[in-house]
């Protein structure tokens, strides 16, 4: 399940142009994570575009989408992914003015000390209950679109999903160059030969 989960993140990340390059994928547990798909930015970025924010949501849902496609069921393994995706969608709507329906307004204010660009503390809502319902619908719509995109990518590239999963089961860790080969059609037996010749 973990191999399919990480392969799902990886494949969605490779197929979306705005996601930072995949650096490494592993199914070796670390801390609370059963596996990790690690991206590495090519350059420093202080801003996040609306299109990249949407793609990050799809990327985060790649693991859960893969579980559902392969097993027809889902696990708790996507809990942190869902939390992060929901936070991005909520901030798009409530802080960053990225909702066409609700406009470029700030609906929530984060209070607390600022440390390294992050704000801690609690958020203050500055809207009515009726507006809260609109916000919830908009956040849900962004999440649903991201999840649907992840499912579509995985269904359209099922062979690559299987190759990535097989490679993770055999090698446990694969790097960005190997991910590129596998997504573009290299088989696991061919990858084994490449590794043996290094």
N, C-alpha and C. Protein backbone atom coordinates (compact mmCIF):
# COMPACT_ATOMS: atom_id res chain seq x y z
N UNK A 1 0.84 -1.20 0.00
CA UNK A 1 0.00 0.00 0.00
C UNK A 1 0.88 1.25 0.00
N UNK A 2 1.92 1.25 0.83
CA UNK A 2 2.82 2.41 0.90
C UNK A 2 3.51 2.64 -0.44
N UNK A 3 3.92 1.56 -1.11
CA UNK A 3 4.59 1.70 -2.41
C UNK A 3 3.64 2.33 -3.44
N UNK A 4 2.40 1.88 -3.49
CA UNK A 4 1.43 2.49 -4.41
C UNK A 4 1.17 3.95 -4.02
N UNK A 5 1.08 4.20 -2.71
CA UNK A 5 0.83 5.55 -2.21
C UNK A 5 1.92 6.52 -2.68
N UNK A 6 3.18 6.14 -2.44
CA UNK A 6 4.29 7.02 -2.83
C UNK A 6 4.42 7.11 -4.36
N UNK A 7 4.17 5.99 -5.05
CA UNK A 7 4.19 6.01 -6.51
C UNK A 7 3.11 6.96 -7.05
N UNK A 8 1.97 7.02 -6.36
CA UNK A 8 0.90 7.93 -6.76
C UNK A 8 1.32 9.39 -6.66
N UNK A 9 1.92 9.75 -5.52
CA UNK A 9 2.46 11.12 -5.36
C UNK A 9 3.46 11.43 -6.48
N UNK A 10 4.37 10.48 -6.68
CA UNK A 10 5.47 10.67 -7.63
C UNK A 10 4.96 10.89 -9.05
N UNK A 11 4.04 10.04 -9.48
CA UNK A 11 3.53 10.12 -10.85
C UNK A 11 2.74 11.42 -11.07
N UNK A 12 1.90 11.78 -10.11
CA UNK A 12 1.16 13.04 -10.23
C UNK A 12 2.14 14.21 -10.27
N UNK A 13 3.16 14.16 -9.41
CA UNK A 13 4.18 15.22 -9.39
C UNK A 13 4.92 15.34 -10.71
N UNK A 14 5.21 14.21 -11.35
CA UNK A 14 5.94 14.22 -12.63
C UNK A 14 5.08 14.76 -13.77
N UNK A 15 3.78 14.54 -13.69
CA UNK A 15 2.90 14.93 -14.80
C UNK A 15 2.39 16.38 -14.69
N UNK A 16 2.64 17.01 -13.56
CA UNK A 16 2.22 18.41 -13.39
C UNK A 16 3.43 19.32 -13.55
N UNK A 17 3.33 20.28 -14.44
CA UNK A 17 4.48 21.13 -14.78
C UNK A 17 4.93 22.04 -13.63
N UNK A 18 4.04 22.40 -12.73
CA UNK A 18 4.39 23.37 -11.69
C UNK A 18 4.99 22.79 -10.43
N UNK A 19 5.04 21.45 -10.33
CA UNK A 19 5.58 20.82 -9.12
C UNK A 19 7.10 20.78 -9.20
N UNK A 20 7.77 21.06 -8.08
CA UNK A 20 9.23 20.99 -8.04
C UNK A 20 9.68 19.58 -8.42
N UNK A 21 10.87 19.44 -9.02
CA UNK A 21 11.34 18.13 -9.47
C UNK A 21 11.41 17.11 -8.32
N UNK A 22 11.05 15.85 -8.65
CA UNK A 22 11.15 14.77 -7.68
C UNK A 22 12.63 14.48 -7.44
N UNK A 23 13.04 14.52 -6.20
CA UNK A 23 14.44 14.27 -5.83
C UNK A 23 14.66 12.81 -5.44
N UNK A 24 13.76 12.30 -4.59
CA UNK A 24 13.91 10.94 -4.08
C UNK A 24 12.56 10.43 -3.60
N UNK A 25 12.35 9.12 -3.77
CA UNK A 25 11.13 8.48 -3.28
C UNK A 25 11.56 7.25 -2.49
N UNK A 26 10.98 7.06 -1.31
CA UNK A 26 11.34 5.90 -0.49
C UNK A 26 10.12 5.34 0.23
N UNK A 27 10.17 4.02 0.46
CA UNK A 27 9.13 3.40 1.28
C UNK A 27 9.74 2.94 2.61
N UNK A 28 10.94 3.44 2.91
CA UNK A 28 11.56 3.16 4.21
C UNK A 28 10.94 4.14 5.22
N UNK A 29 10.30 3.63 6.27
CA UNK A 29 9.63 4.53 7.23
C UNK A 29 10.61 5.49 7.90
N UNK A 30 10.16 6.75 8.08
CA UNK A 30 10.95 7.76 8.79
C UNK A 30 10.02 8.51 9.73
N UNK A 31 10.31 8.44 11.01
CA UNK A 31 9.44 9.11 11.97
C UNK A 31 8.04 8.54 11.89
N UNK A 32 7.06 9.42 11.71
CA UNK A 32 5.66 8.99 11.60
C UNK A 32 5.27 8.65 10.16
N UNK A 33 6.17 8.93 9.21
CA UNK A 33 5.85 8.70 7.79
C UNK A 33 6.22 7.28 7.38
N UNK A 34 5.32 6.61 6.67
CA UNK A 34 5.58 5.26 6.18
C UNK A 34 6.46 5.29 4.94
N UNK A 35 6.45 6.40 4.24
CA UNK A 35 7.28 6.60 3.06
C UNK A 35 7.30 8.09 2.75
N UNK A 36 8.18 8.49 1.83
CA UNK A 36 8.31 9.92 1.51
C UNK A 36 8.58 10.09 0.02
N UNK A 37 7.89 11.06 -0.57
CA UNK A 37 8.20 11.52 -1.92
C UNK A 37 8.75 12.93 -1.75
N UNK A 38 10.04 13.07 -2.00
CA UNK A 38 10.73 14.34 -1.71
C UNK A 38 10.95 15.13 -3.01
N UNK A 39 10.51 16.36 -3.00
CA UNK A 39 10.78 17.26 -4.13
C UNK A 39 11.88 18.23 -3.73
N UNK A 40 12.55 18.77 -4.74
CA UNK A 40 13.64 19.71 -4.46
C UNK A 40 13.50 20.89 -5.41
N UNK A 41 13.24 22.10 -4.88
CA UNK A 41 13.09 23.26 -5.75
C UNK A 41 14.37 23.56 -6.53
N UNK A 42 14.21 23.98 -7.77
CA UNK A 42 15.37 24.33 -8.60
C UNK A 42 15.90 25.72 -8.25
N UNK A 43 15.03 26.56 -7.69
CA UNK A 43 15.45 27.91 -7.29
C UNK A 43 14.60 28.36 -6.11
N UNK A 44 15.10 29.34 -5.39
CA UNK A 44 14.34 29.88 -4.26
C UNK A 44 13.11 30.60 -4.77
N UNK A 45 12.01 30.44 -4.03
CA UNK A 45 10.78 31.11 -4.43
C UNK A 45 10.09 31.64 -3.18
N UNK A 46 9.74 32.91 -3.21
CA UNK A 46 9.09 33.52 -2.06
C UNK A 46 7.58 33.64 -2.26
N UNK A 47 7.15 33.46 -3.50
CA UNK A 47 5.73 33.56 -3.81
C UNK A 47 5.20 32.22 -4.31
N UNK A 48 3.90 32.03 -4.14
CA UNK A 48 3.23 30.83 -4.62
C UNK A 48 2.11 31.28 -5.56
N UNK A 49 2.15 30.82 -6.80
CA UNK A 49 1.10 31.20 -7.76
C UNK A 49 -0.15 30.36 -7.51
N UNK A 50 -1.26 30.85 -8.02
CA UNK A 50 -2.52 30.13 -7.88
C UNK A 50 -2.44 28.77 -8.57
N UNK A 51 -1.84 28.74 -9.78
CA UNK A 51 -1.76 27.47 -10.51
C UNK A 51 -0.89 26.46 -9.76
N UNK A 52 0.22 26.93 -9.16
CA UNK A 52 1.08 26.01 -8.41
C UNK A 52 0.37 25.52 -7.14
N UNK A 53 -0.36 26.40 -6.49
CA UNK A 53 -1.11 25.99 -5.29
C UNK A 53 -2.10 24.88 -5.63
N UNK A 54 -2.80 25.03 -6.77
CA UNK A 54 -3.75 24.00 -7.20
C UNK A 54 -3.03 22.69 -7.51
N UNK A 55 -1.87 22.79 -8.17
CA UNK A 55 -1.11 21.58 -8.51
C UNK A 55 -0.56 20.90 -7.26
N UNK A 56 -0.19 21.67 -6.26
CA UNK A 56 0.29 21.09 -5.01
C UNK A 56 -0.81 20.26 -4.34
N UNK A 57 -2.04 20.73 -4.44
CA UNK A 57 -3.17 19.99 -3.88
C UNK A 57 -3.33 18.65 -4.61
N UNK A 58 -3.24 18.66 -5.94
CA UNK A 58 -3.32 17.41 -6.71
C UNK A 58 -2.19 16.47 -6.32
N UNK A 59 -0.97 17.02 -6.21
CA UNK A 59 0.20 16.23 -5.82
C UNK A 59 -0.01 15.59 -4.46
N UNK A 60 -0.52 16.35 -3.50
CA UNK A 60 -0.77 15.82 -2.16
C UNK A 60 -1.80 14.70 -2.16
N UNK A 61 -2.74 14.74 -3.10
CA UNK A 61 -3.77 13.71 -3.17
C UNK A 61 -3.37 12.51 -4.03
N UNK A 62 -2.19 12.55 -4.64
CA UNK A 62 -1.74 11.44 -5.48
C UNK A 62 -1.70 10.11 -4.75
N UNK A 63 -1.26 10.13 -3.49
CA UNK A 63 -1.15 8.91 -2.70
C UNK A 63 -2.50 8.30 -2.39
N UNK A 64 -3.41 9.11 -1.91
CA UNK A 64 -4.75 8.62 -1.58
C UNK A 64 -5.48 8.14 -2.83
N UNK A 65 -5.32 8.89 -3.93
CA UNK A 65 -5.97 8.51 -5.19
C UNK A 65 -5.48 7.14 -5.65
N UNK A 66 -4.16 6.90 -5.53
CA UNK A 66 -3.59 5.61 -5.93
C UNK A 66 -4.16 4.48 -5.08
N UNK A 67 -4.27 4.69 -3.79
CA UNK A 67 -4.85 3.67 -2.90
C UNK A 67 -6.27 3.32 -3.34
N UNK A 68 -7.05 4.35 -3.62
CA UNK A 68 -8.45 4.13 -4.00
C UNK A 68 -8.56 3.40 -5.35
N UNK A 69 -7.73 3.79 -6.31
CA UNK A 69 -7.76 3.16 -7.64
C UNK A 69 -7.36 1.69 -7.55
N UNK A 70 -6.30 1.39 -6.82
CA UNK A 70 -5.75 0.03 -6.77
C UNK A 70 -6.55 -0.88 -5.83
N UNK A 71 -6.89 -0.39 -4.66
CA UNK A 71 -7.51 -1.24 -3.64
C UNK A 71 -9.02 -1.02 -3.48
N UNK A 72 -9.55 0.04 -4.08
CA UNK A 72 -10.97 0.33 -3.90
C UNK A 72 -11.28 0.73 -2.47
N UNK A 73 -10.25 1.11 -1.74
CA UNK A 73 -10.38 1.47 -0.34
C UNK A 73 -9.29 2.49 -0.01
N UNK A 74 -9.37 3.11 1.14
CA UNK A 74 -8.38 4.10 1.53
C UNK A 74 -7.89 3.80 2.94
N UNK A 75 -6.68 4.30 3.26
CA UNK A 75 -6.11 4.08 4.60
C UNK A 75 -5.93 5.43 5.30
N UNK A 76 -5.44 5.36 6.51
CA UNK A 76 -5.16 6.59 7.27
C UNK A 76 -3.85 7.22 6.83
N UNK A 77 -3.12 6.55 5.94
CA UNK A 77 -1.80 7.03 5.50
C UNK A 77 -1.82 8.40 4.86
N UNK A 78 -2.99 8.82 4.36
CA UNK A 78 -3.08 10.12 3.69
C UNK A 78 -3.49 11.24 4.63
N UNK A 79 -3.57 10.96 5.92
CA UNK A 79 -4.06 11.96 6.88
C UNK A 79 -3.32 13.29 6.81
N UNK A 80 -1.98 13.23 6.82
CA UNK A 80 -1.18 14.46 6.77
C UNK A 80 -1.32 15.16 5.42
N UNK A 81 -1.40 14.37 4.34
CA UNK A 81 -1.58 14.94 3.00
C UNK A 81 -2.89 15.74 2.92
N UNK A 82 -3.95 15.16 3.48
CA UNK A 82 -5.26 15.81 3.45
C UNK A 82 -5.22 17.10 4.26
N UNK A 83 -4.58 17.05 5.40
CA UNK A 83 -4.45 18.24 6.26
C UNK A 83 -3.73 19.36 5.51
N UNK A 84 -2.61 19.01 4.85
CA UNK A 84 -1.84 20.02 4.13
C UNK A 84 -2.62 20.57 2.92
N UNK A 85 -3.29 19.68 2.19
CA UNK A 85 -4.07 20.12 1.02
C UNK A 85 -5.21 21.04 1.45
N UNK A 86 -5.87 20.69 2.54
CA UNK A 86 -6.98 21.51 3.05
C UNK A 86 -6.48 22.88 3.48
N UNK A 87 -5.31 22.91 4.12
CA UNK A 87 -4.75 24.19 4.56
C UNK A 87 -4.45 25.09 3.35
N UNK A 88 -3.87 24.51 2.30
CA UNK A 88 -3.57 25.30 1.09
C UNK A 88 -4.86 25.85 0.49
N UNK A 89 -5.87 24.99 0.34
CA UNK A 89 -7.14 25.41 -0.26
C UNK A 89 -7.79 26.51 0.58
N UNK A 90 -7.77 26.34 1.90
CA UNK A 90 -8.39 27.33 2.79
C UNK A 90 -7.65 28.67 2.71
N UNK A 91 -6.33 28.61 2.67
CA UNK A 91 -5.56 29.86 2.59
C UNK A 91 -5.76 30.53 1.23
N UNK A 92 -5.90 29.73 0.18
CA UNK A 92 -6.19 30.30 -1.14
C UNK A 92 -7.45 31.16 -1.09
N UNK A 93 -8.46 30.64 -0.40
CA UNK A 93 -9.76 31.33 -0.33
C UNK A 93 -9.76 32.45 0.71
N UNK A 94 -9.24 32.15 1.91
CA UNK A 94 -9.39 33.07 3.04
C UNK A 94 -8.28 34.10 3.22
N UNK A 95 -7.07 33.81 2.72
CA UNK A 95 -5.95 34.72 2.95
C UNK A 95 -5.36 35.31 1.68
N UNK A 96 -5.30 34.49 0.62
CA UNK A 96 -4.56 34.90 -0.57
C UNK A 96 -5.44 35.48 -1.67
N UNK A 97 -6.74 35.57 -1.44
CA UNK A 97 -7.65 36.16 -2.43
C UNK A 97 -7.64 35.45 -3.77
N UNK A 98 -7.51 34.11 -3.76
CA UNK A 98 -7.41 33.34 -5.01
C UNK A 98 -8.71 32.67 -5.42
N UNK A 99 -9.82 33.11 -4.83
CA UNK A 99 -11.12 32.57 -5.20
C UNK A 99 -11.83 33.56 -6.11
N UNK A 100 -12.16 33.10 -7.32
CA UNK A 100 -12.88 34.00 -8.25
C UNK A 100 -14.26 34.35 -7.70
N UNK A 101 -14.90 33.39 -7.05
CA UNK A 101 -16.25 33.59 -6.54
C UNK A 101 -16.29 34.57 -5.36
N UNK A 102 -15.31 34.44 -4.45
CA UNK A 102 -15.33 35.27 -3.24
C UNK A 102 -14.44 36.51 -3.33
N UNK A 103 -13.66 36.58 -4.39
CA UNK A 103 -12.90 37.79 -4.65
C UNK A 103 -11.63 37.94 -3.85
N UNK A 104 -10.87 39.00 -4.15
CA UNK A 104 -9.58 39.24 -3.49
C UNK A 104 -9.75 39.89 -2.12
N UNK A 105 -10.37 39.14 -1.23
CA UNK A 105 -10.59 39.64 0.13
C UNK A 105 -9.90 38.72 1.13
N UNK A 106 -9.55 39.26 2.29
CA UNK A 106 -8.97 38.46 3.36
C UNK A 106 -10.08 38.17 4.37
N UNK A 107 -10.38 36.89 4.53
CA UNK A 107 -11.46 36.50 5.44
C UNK A 107 -10.95 36.03 6.80
N UNK A 108 -9.67 35.74 6.89
CA UNK A 108 -9.12 35.31 8.16
C UNK A 108 -7.82 36.05 8.43
N UNK A 109 -7.59 36.35 9.69
CA UNK A 109 -6.37 37.03 10.07
C UNK A 109 -5.63 36.15 11.06
N UNK A 110 -4.36 35.84 10.74
CA UNK A 110 -3.54 35.03 11.65
C UNK A 110 -2.91 35.96 12.68
N UNK A 111 -3.01 35.58 13.92
CA UNK A 111 -2.44 36.39 14.99
C UNK A 111 -1.36 35.61 15.71
N UNK A 112 -0.35 36.30 16.15
CA UNK A 112 0.75 35.65 16.85
C UNK A 112 2.07 36.13 16.29
N UNK A 113 3.16 35.73 16.90
CA UNK A 113 4.48 36.19 16.45
C UNK A 113 4.85 35.61 15.09
N UNK A 114 5.55 36.41 14.30
CA UNK A 114 6.03 35.94 13.00
C UNK A 114 7.46 35.44 13.18
N UNK A 115 7.71 34.21 12.73
CA UNK A 115 9.05 33.62 12.86
C UNK A 115 9.41 32.95 11.54
N UNK A 116 10.48 33.40 10.90
CA UNK A 116 10.93 32.85 9.62
C UNK A 116 9.82 32.80 8.58
N UNK A 117 9.01 33.85 8.55
CA UNK A 117 7.97 33.93 7.54
C UNK A 117 6.71 33.16 7.89
N UNK A 118 6.71 32.43 8.98
CA UNK A 118 5.53 31.66 9.37
C UNK A 118 4.85 32.38 10.53
N UNK A 119 3.53 32.35 10.51
CA UNK A 119 2.81 32.95 11.62
C UNK A 119 2.21 31.86 12.47
N UNK A 120 2.38 32.00 13.76
CA UNK A 120 1.80 31.03 14.68
C UNK A 120 0.73 31.73 15.49
N UNK A 121 0.02 30.97 16.27
CA UNK A 121 -1.06 31.55 17.04
C UNK A 121 -2.38 31.14 16.44
N UNK A 122 -3.43 31.87 16.77
CA UNK A 122 -4.75 31.49 16.28
C UNK A 122 -5.20 32.42 15.15
N UNK A 123 -6.22 31.98 14.43
CA UNK A 123 -6.77 32.82 13.36
C UNK A 123 -8.08 33.42 13.82
N UNK A 124 -8.34 34.62 13.38
CA UNK A 124 -9.58 35.30 13.69
C UNK A 124 -10.44 35.33 12.45
N UNK A 125 -11.67 34.85 12.56
CA UNK A 125 -12.55 34.90 11.39
C UNK A 125 -13.26 36.25 11.36
N UNK A 126 -13.29 36.79 10.15
CA UNK A 126 -13.91 38.11 9.99
C UNK A 126 -15.00 38.03 8.93
N UNK A 127 -15.99 37.15 9.18
CA UNK A 127 -17.09 36.98 8.22
C UNK A 127 -18.30 36.39 8.93
N UNK A 128 -19.44 36.49 8.26
CA UNK A 128 -20.70 36.00 8.81
C UNK A 128 -20.83 34.49 8.62
N UNK A 129 -21.85 33.89 9.25
CA UNK A 129 -22.11 32.46 9.09
C UNK A 129 -22.48 32.13 7.65
N UNK A 130 -23.19 33.04 6.99
CA UNK A 130 -23.57 32.82 5.58
C UNK A 130 -22.31 32.79 4.71
N UNK A 131 -21.38 33.69 4.99
CA UNK A 131 -20.12 33.74 4.24
C UNK A 131 -19.28 32.49 4.54
N UNK A 132 -19.35 32.01 5.79
CA UNK A 132 -18.62 30.79 6.17
C UNK A 132 -19.07 29.61 5.31
N UNK A 133 -20.35 29.54 5.03
CA UNK A 133 -20.89 28.46 4.18
C UNK A 133 -20.33 28.57 2.75
N UNK A 134 -20.26 29.80 2.24
CA UNK A 134 -19.70 30.02 0.90
C UNK A 134 -18.22 29.62 0.86
N UNK A 135 -17.50 30.00 1.92
CA UNK A 135 -16.07 29.67 2.01
C UNK A 135 -15.88 28.15 2.01
N UNK A 136 -16.68 27.46 2.83
CA UNK A 136 -16.59 26.00 2.91
C UNK A 136 -16.84 25.36 1.55
N UNK A 137 -17.83 25.84 0.82
CA UNK A 137 -18.14 25.30 -0.52
C UNK A 137 -16.99 25.55 -1.49
N UNK A 138 -16.40 26.72 -1.40
CA UNK A 138 -15.29 27.07 -2.30
C UNK A 138 -14.06 26.22 -1.99
N UNK A 139 -13.74 26.05 -0.71
CA UNK A 139 -12.61 25.21 -0.30
C UNK A 139 -12.85 23.77 -0.78
N UNK A 140 -14.05 23.27 -0.57
CA UNK A 140 -14.38 21.91 -0.99
C UNK A 140 -14.24 21.76 -2.50
N UNK A 141 -14.68 22.76 -3.25
CA UNK A 141 -14.57 22.72 -4.71
C UNK A 141 -13.12 22.63 -5.18
N UNK A 142 -12.24 23.41 -4.55
CA UNK A 142 -10.81 23.39 -4.90
C UNK A 142 -10.21 22.01 -4.59
N UNK A 143 -10.57 21.46 -3.43
CA UNK A 143 -10.08 20.14 -3.02
C UNK A 143 -10.57 19.07 -4.00
N UNK A 144 -11.87 19.13 -4.32
CA UNK A 144 -12.46 18.12 -5.21
C UNK A 144 -11.82 18.16 -6.60
N UNK A 145 -11.55 19.36 -7.10
CA UNK A 145 -10.90 19.51 -8.40
C UNK A 145 -9.49 18.91 -8.37
N UNK A 146 -8.74 19.18 -7.30
CA UNK A 146 -7.40 18.64 -7.16
C UNK A 146 -7.39 17.13 -7.08
N UNK A 147 -8.34 16.57 -6.33
CA UNK A 147 -8.42 15.11 -6.19
C UNK A 147 -8.79 14.46 -7.52
N UNK A 148 -9.76 15.05 -8.22
CA UNK A 148 -10.19 14.52 -9.51
C UNK A 148 -9.04 14.54 -10.51
N UNK A 149 -8.24 15.60 -10.48
CA UNK A 149 -7.08 15.70 -11.38
C UNK A 149 -6.07 14.59 -11.07
N UNK A 150 -5.82 14.33 -9.79
CA UNK A 150 -4.89 13.27 -9.40
C UNK A 150 -5.38 11.91 -9.90
N UNK A 151 -6.66 11.62 -9.71
CA UNK A 151 -7.24 10.35 -10.17
C UNK A 151 -7.10 10.21 -11.68
N UNK A 152 -7.38 11.29 -12.39
CA UNK A 152 -7.30 11.27 -13.87
C UNK A 152 -5.87 10.97 -14.34
N UNK A 153 -4.90 11.63 -13.74
CA UNK A 153 -3.50 11.41 -14.12
C UNK A 153 -3.10 9.95 -13.89
N UNK A 154 -3.49 9.40 -12.74
CA UNK A 154 -3.12 8.02 -12.42
C UNK A 154 -3.81 7.03 -13.34
N UNK A 155 -5.10 7.26 -13.63
CA UNK A 155 -5.82 6.37 -14.54
C UNK A 155 -5.24 6.43 -15.96
N UNK A 156 -4.82 7.61 -16.38
CA UNK A 156 -4.25 7.78 -17.73
C UNK A 156 -2.84 7.20 -17.85
N UNK A 157 -2.17 6.98 -16.74
CA UNK A 157 -0.77 6.53 -16.75
C UNK A 157 -0.59 5.31 -15.84
N UNK A 158 -1.52 4.38 -15.92
CA UNK A 158 -1.53 3.21 -15.03
C UNK A 158 -0.26 2.36 -15.15
N UNK A 159 0.27 2.21 -16.37
CA UNK A 159 1.50 1.43 -16.56
C UNK A 159 2.67 2.04 -15.79
N UNK A 160 2.79 3.36 -15.86
CA UNK A 160 3.88 4.05 -15.15
C UNK A 160 3.70 3.89 -13.64
N UNK A 161 2.45 3.93 -13.16
CA UNK A 161 2.17 3.73 -11.73
C UNK A 161 2.65 2.35 -11.29
N UNK A 162 2.39 1.34 -12.11
CA UNK A 162 2.81 -0.03 -11.79
C UNK A 162 4.34 -0.15 -11.79
N UNK A 163 5.00 0.47 -12.76
CA UNK A 163 6.47 0.42 -12.82
C UNK A 163 7.10 1.09 -11.60
N UNK A 164 6.60 2.25 -11.23
CA UNK A 164 7.12 2.96 -10.06
C UNK A 164 6.93 2.12 -8.79
N UNK A 165 5.75 1.53 -8.65
CA UNK A 165 5.45 0.71 -7.47
C UNK A 165 6.37 -0.50 -7.41
N UNK A 166 6.52 -1.18 -8.54
CA UNK A 166 7.39 -2.36 -8.61
C UNK A 166 8.83 -1.99 -8.24
N UNK A 167 9.31 -0.85 -8.74
CA UNK A 167 10.67 -0.40 -8.43
C UNK A 167 10.82 -0.10 -6.94
N UNK A 168 9.82 0.51 -6.33
CA UNK A 168 9.88 0.81 -4.90
C UNK A 168 9.88 -0.47 -4.07
N UNK A 169 9.10 -1.46 -4.50
CA UNK A 169 9.06 -2.73 -3.77
C UNK A 169 10.41 -3.46 -3.86
N UNK A 170 11.07 -3.33 -5.01
CA UNK A 170 12.36 -4.01 -5.18
C UNK A 170 13.52 -3.25 -4.54
N UNK A 171 13.60 -1.94 -4.78
CA UNK A 171 14.77 -1.16 -4.35
C UNK A 171 14.54 -0.34 -3.07
N UNK A 172 13.31 -0.14 -2.68
CA UNK A 172 12.88 0.64 -1.52
C UNK A 172 13.09 2.15 -1.68
N UNK A 173 14.15 2.55 -2.37
CA UNK A 173 14.41 3.97 -2.61
C UNK A 173 14.84 4.15 -4.06
N UNK A 174 14.26 5.14 -4.73
CA UNK A 174 14.67 5.48 -6.10
C UNK A 174 14.89 6.99 -6.18
N UNK A 175 15.83 7.40 -7.03
CA UNK A 175 16.13 8.83 -7.13
C UNK A 175 15.39 9.46 -8.32
N UNK A 176 15.55 10.76 -8.46
CA UNK A 176 14.84 11.51 -9.49
C UNK A 176 15.12 11.02 -10.90
N UNK A 177 16.38 10.68 -11.18
CA UNK A 177 16.75 10.19 -12.52
C UNK A 177 16.07 8.86 -12.81
N UNK A 178 15.98 7.99 -11.81
CA UNK A 178 15.32 6.70 -11.98
C UNK A 178 13.82 6.87 -12.15
N UNK A 179 13.24 7.81 -11.43
CA UNK A 179 11.82 8.12 -11.59
C UNK A 179 11.55 8.52 -13.03
N UNK A 180 12.39 9.39 -13.56
CA UNK A 180 12.26 9.86 -14.95
C UNK A 180 12.26 8.67 -15.91
N UNK A 181 13.20 7.76 -15.74
CA UNK A 181 13.30 6.57 -16.60
C UNK A 181 12.04 5.72 -16.52
N UNK A 182 11.59 5.45 -15.30
CA UNK A 182 10.42 4.60 -15.09
C UNK A 182 9.15 5.21 -15.68
N UNK A 183 8.97 6.51 -15.48
CA UNK A 183 7.78 7.19 -16.02
C UNK A 183 7.80 7.15 -17.55
N UNK A 184 9.01 7.20 -18.13
CA UNK A 184 9.12 7.20 -19.59
C UNK A 184 9.23 5.81 -20.21
N UNK A 185 8.96 4.75 -19.43
CA UNK A 185 8.84 3.42 -20.03
C UNK A 185 9.91 2.41 -19.68
N UNK A 186 10.96 2.80 -18.97
CA UNK A 186 12.00 1.84 -18.57
C UNK A 186 11.39 0.82 -17.61
N UNK A 187 11.64 -0.46 -17.84
CA UNK A 187 11.12 -1.51 -16.96
C UNK A 187 12.02 -1.64 -15.74
N UNK A 188 11.51 -2.35 -14.72
CA UNK A 188 12.29 -2.54 -13.50
C UNK A 188 13.50 -3.43 -13.79
N UNK A 189 13.35 -4.43 -14.66
CA UNK A 189 14.50 -5.29 -14.99
C UNK A 189 15.58 -4.49 -15.73
N UNK A 190 15.16 -3.55 -16.58
CA UNK A 190 16.13 -2.67 -17.26
C UNK A 190 16.81 -1.76 -16.24
N UNK A 191 16.05 -1.26 -15.28
CA UNK A 191 16.61 -0.38 -14.25
C UNK A 191 17.62 -1.16 -13.38
N UNK A 192 17.32 -2.43 -13.13
CA UNK A 192 18.21 -3.27 -12.35
C UNK A 192 19.57 -3.39 -13.05
N UNK A 193 19.54 -3.57 -14.36
CA UNK A 193 20.78 -3.67 -15.16
C UNK A 193 21.56 -2.36 -15.11
N UNK A 194 20.84 -1.24 -15.21
CA UNK A 194 21.48 0.09 -15.14
C UNK A 194 22.19 0.24 -13.79
N UNK A 195 21.49 -0.17 -12.72
CA UNK A 195 22.08 -0.08 -11.36
C UNK A 195 23.29 -0.99 -11.22
N UNK A 196 23.21 -2.19 -11.79
CA UNK A 196 24.31 -3.16 -11.69
C UNK A 196 25.57 -2.67 -12.43
N UNK A 197 25.36 -1.87 -13.48
CA UNK A 197 26.49 -1.37 -14.28
C UNK A 197 27.12 -0.10 -13.71
N UNK A 198 26.56 0.42 -12.62
CA UNK A 198 27.11 1.66 -12.05
C UNK A 198 28.34 1.35 -11.22
